[in-house]
Amino acid sequence: MIQFAAKTHPGRRRTSNEDALLADDAHGLFVVADGVGGRAAGEVASAITIETFQQAAPKLSAAVQAYAASPDWNSRNDVLELLDSVCQSASARVYEEAEHSSRRGMTTTLVVVLVGGGAAFLAHVGDSRAYLVRDGLIRQLTEDHSMVNDLVRSGQMTWEEARRSRYRSVITRAVGLYPNVQADLMSIEILPGD
């Protein structure tokens, strides 16, 4: 049984909430799309992304069930490829909708967790994060697609400098920035209590 809670909040600086989420326990699908702040229609980008995953939920669930019946490398890759395909569809839909002048430039970050068969399958774009809580320890599973993270990884900036940088909220990947998106994909074994 999966226990979950879901809530969005605009934060301390914004008056509008550009977040959207999907918590579909029946299909084991959990999605957070955070419309990119300061961009036109971020709330539309996040809503389109959630809708795309909602429509794909039965197909994603079927792929996870196939994995559960035969948990091997091929069935695992089938789930990840389908997850990537849905990310591509979402990005293409957001990009196409952004062709309208009032929505030009709208994008969203994305983190997806698909659970079943003793595994969690993840897709991630931008700086929205997924964490694993196991045995009282919290571990970040995703790596931010951000300018400062790239600079820290390449040794050009320290974490302390990154925290103070005026570029700390500049992301390098987003759903809808281009028709295709490079999503990070992974799967992990999940244990009771995770």
Protein backbone atom coordinates (compact mmCIF):
# COMPACT_ATOMS: atom_id res chain seq x y z
CA MET A 1 0.00 0.00 0.00
CA ILE A 2 1.24 3.46 -0.89
CA GLN A 3 0.70 6.29 1.55
CA PHE A 4 0.93 9.74 0.06
CA ALA A 5 -0.03 13.34 0.57
CA ALA A 6 -0.19 16.07 -2.04
CA LYS A 7 -0.37 19.83 -1.76
CA THR A 8 0.85 22.83 -3.72
CA HIS A 9 1.73 26.30 -2.47
CA PRO A 10 2.75 29.40 -4.45
CA GLY A 11 5.61 30.15 -2.06
CA ARG A 12 6.45 33.36 -0.26
CA ARG A 13 7.18 35.58 -3.24
CA ARG A 14 4.47 34.70 -5.76
CA THR A 15 0.78 35.41 -5.73
CA SER A 16 -0.14 32.78 -8.32
CA ASN A 17 0.50 29.06 -8.14
CA GLU A 18 2.01 27.57 -11.30
CA ASP A 19 2.31 24.06 -9.83
CA ALA A 20 0.19 21.11 -10.86
CA LEU A 21 0.24 17.58 -9.54
CA LEU A 22 -1.18 14.16 -10.16
CA ALA A 23 -1.48 11.55 -7.42
CA ASP A 24 -3.06 8.52 -9.14
CA ASP A 25 -2.80 5.73 -6.59
CA ALA A 26 -4.82 3.33 -8.77
CA HIS A 27 -2.11 3.45 -11.45
CA GLY A 28 0.83 4.04 -9.09
CA LEU A 29 1.56 7.32 -10.86
CA PHE A 30 2.71 10.48 -9.06
CA VAL A 31 3.67 13.61 -10.99
CA VAL A 32 4.71 17.14 -10.04
CA ALA A 33 4.94 19.83 -12.72
CA ASP A 34 6.17 23.23 -11.57
CA GLY A 35 5.47 25.94 -14.13
CA VAL A 36 8.61 27.99 -14.54
CA GLY A 37 8.22 31.23 -12.59
CA GLY A 38 8.57 34.47 -14.46
CA ARG A 39 7.60 32.83 -17.72
CA ALA A 40 4.30 33.42 -19.48
CA ALA A 41 1.61 30.88 -18.61
CA GLY A 42 3.69 28.52 -16.47
CA GLU A 43 0.44 27.25 -14.97
CA VAL A 44 -0.75 26.27 -18.47
CA ALA A 45 2.49 24.39 -19.16
CA SER A 46 2.20 22.45 -15.91
CA ALA A 47 -1.50 21.67 -16.51
CA ILE A 48 -0.81 20.36 -20.03
CA THR A 49 2.00 18.18 -18.68
CA ILE A 50 -0.20 16.71 -15.95
CA GLU A 51 -3.00 16.08 -18.45
CA THR A 52 -0.56 14.26 -20.76
CA PHE A 53 0.50 11.92 -17.94
CA GLN A 54 -3.08 11.45 -16.78
CA GLN A 55 -4.05 10.26 -20.27
CA ALA A 56 -1.07 7.90 -20.36
CA ALA A 57 -1.67 6.45 -16.87
CA PRO A 58 -3.38 3.20 -18.01
CA LYS A 59 -0.60 2.49 -20.52
CA LEU A 60 2.11 3.25 -17.97
CA SER A 61 0.39 1.03 -15.41
CA ALA A 62 0.16 -1.83 -17.94
CA ALA A 63 3.90 -1.55 -18.62
CA VAL A 64 4.63 -1.73 -14.88
CA GLN A 65 2.35 -4.77 -14.57
CA ALA A 66 4.29 -6.46 -17.38
CA TYR A 67 7.49 -5.65 -15.49
CA ALA A 68 6.02 -7.10 -12.26
CA ALA A 69 5.12 -10.33 -14.10
CA SER A 70 8.63 -10.65 -15.53
CA PRO A 71 11.06 -8.28 -13.79
CA ASP A 72 13.98 -8.37 -16.18
CA TRP A 73 16.15 -5.86 -17.99
CA ASN A 74 13.90 -5.75 -21.08
CA SER A 75 10.65 -5.12 -19.21
CA ARG A 76 12.41 -2.49 -17.09
CA ASN A 77 13.61 -0.71 -20.22
CA ASP A 78 10.12 -0.94 -21.73
CA VAL A 79 8.75 1.02 -18.75
CA LEU A 80 11.52 3.62 -18.95
CA GLU A 81 11.10 4.02 -22.72
CA LEU A 82 7.35 4.53 -22.31
CA LEU A 83 7.97 7.04 -19.53
CA ASP A 84 10.36 8.91 -21.82
CA SER A 85 7.81 8.82 -24.64
CA VAL A 86 5.20 10.47 -22.41
CA CYS A 87 7.76 13.14 -21.43
CA GLN A 88 8.36 13.78 -25.14
CA SER A 89 4.62 14.05 -25.79
CA ALA A 90 4.21 16.51 -22.93
CA SER A 91 7.09 18.66 -24.18
CA ALA A 92 5.76 18.67 -27.74
CA ARG A 93 2.27 19.65 -26.53
CA VAL A 94 3.58 22.47 -24.33
CA TYR A 95 5.90 23.72 -27.08
CA GLU A 96 3.07 23.71 -29.62
CA GLU A 97 0.71 25.52 -27.26
CA ALA A 98 3.46 28.07 -26.57
CA GLU A 99 3.34 29.17 -30.20
CA HIS A 100 0.42 31.41 -29.17
CA SER A 101 1.95 34.83 -28.55
CA SER A 102 0.54 35.26 -25.04
CA ARG A 103 2.05 31.93 -24.00
CA ARG A 104 5.36 32.11 -25.83
CA GLY A 105 8.16 30.72 -23.69
CA MET A 106 5.97 28.81 -21.23
CA THR A 107 7.72 25.80 -19.71
CA THR A 108 7.56 23.57 -16.66
CA THR A 109 9.83 21.36 -14.62
CA LEU A 110 8.78 17.77 -14.08
CA VAL A 111 9.33 14.87 -11.72
CA VAL A 112 7.46 11.59 -12.20
CA VAL A 113 7.41 8.49 -10.00
CA LEU A 114 5.70 5.35 -11.29
CA VAL A 115 5.45 2.59 -8.68
CA GLY A 116 4.81 -1.12 -9.07
CA GLY A 117 6.39 -4.55 -9.11
CA GLY A 118 8.72 -3.70 -6.24
CA ALA A 119 10.24 -0.81 -8.17
CA ALA A 120 9.91 2.91 -8.66
CA PHE A 121 10.51 4.31 -12.14
CA LEU A 122 11.45 7.98 -12.32
CA ALA A 123 11.58 10.69 -14.96
CA HIS A 124 12.96 14.11 -14.19
CA VAL A 125 13.42 17.42 -16.01
CA GLY A 126 14.52 20.71 -14.42
CA ASP A 127 15.02 21.37 -10.73
CA SER A 128 11.99 19.67 -9.19
CA ARG A 129 13.34 16.84 -7.07
CA ALA A 130 12.58 13.28 -6.03
CA TYR A 131 13.81 11.91 -2.72
CA LEU A 132 13.95 8.46 -1.18
CA VAL A 133 13.30 8.15 2.53
CA ARG A 134 14.65 4.82 3.81
CA ASP A 135 15.51 3.77 7.34
CA GLY A 136 15.19 7.34 8.57
CA LEU A 137 17.61 8.72 5.98
CA ILE A 138 16.67 11.07 3.14
CA ARG A 139 18.50 10.69 -0.17
CA GLN A 140 18.04 12.95 -3.18
CA LEU A 141 17.50 10.77 -6.26
CA THR A 142 17.50 13.45 -8.93
CA GLU A 143 20.14 15.95 -9.93
CA ASP A 144 19.05 19.51 -10.71
CA HIS A 145 19.27 20.58 -14.33
CA SER A 146 20.45 24.06 -13.41
CA MET A 147 23.22 26.44 -14.35
CA VAL A 148 24.74 26.48 -10.86
CA ASN A 149 24.64 22.69 -10.56
CA ASP A 150 26.49 22.40 -13.87
CA LEU A 151 29.09 24.92 -12.63
CA VAL A 152 29.54 23.07 -9.33
CA ARG A 153 29.89 19.71 -11.10
CA SER A 154 32.54 21.14 -13.43
CA GLY A 155 34.48 22.64 -10.50
CA GLN A 156 33.87 26.26 -11.54
CA MET A 157 31.80 27.08 -8.45
CA THR A 158 31.52 25.82 -4.88
CA TRP A 159 28.22 24.83 -3.25
CA GLU A 160 28.50 27.90 -1.02
CA GLU A 161 28.89 30.15 -4.06
CA ALA A 162 25.99 28.35 -5.74
CA ARG A 163 23.68 29.06 -2.80
CA ARG A 164 24.39 32.79 -3.11
CA SER A 165 24.53 32.97 -6.90
CA ARG A 166 22.02 35.14 -8.72
CA TYR A 167 21.81 32.29 -11.25
CA ARG A 168 20.69 29.68 -8.71
CA SER A 169 17.19 29.47 -10.19
CA VAL A 170 18.25 29.30 -13.86
CA ILE A 171 17.36 25.86 -15.19
CA THR A 172 18.99 24.23 -18.20
CA ARG A 173 16.19 21.82 -19.11
CA ALA A 174 12.42 22.24 -19.09
CA VAL A 175 9.36 20.60 -20.59
CA GLY A 176 8.20 22.74 -23.52
CA LEU A 177 11.44 24.62 -24.07
CA TYR A 178 11.85 22.54 -27.25
CA PRO A 179 9.55 19.95 -28.87
CA ASN A 180 11.86 17.24 -27.51
CA VAL A 181 13.19 17.13 -23.98
CA GLN A 182 16.05 15.21 -22.40
CA ALA A 183 14.57 13.58 -19.32
CA ASP A 184 16.74 11.75 -16.81
CA LEU A 185 15.30 8.26 -16.34
CA MET A 186 16.02 5.71 -13.64
CA SER A 187 14.52 2.87 -11.67
CA ILE A 188 15.17 1.78 -8.12
CA GLU A 189 14.11 -1.14 -5.99
CA ILE A 190 11.64 -0.08 -3.33
CA LEU A 191 11.31 -1.74 0.04
CA PRO A 192 8.52 -1.80 2.63
CA GLY A 193 8.64 1.42 4.60
CA ASP A 194 10.22 3.50 1.82
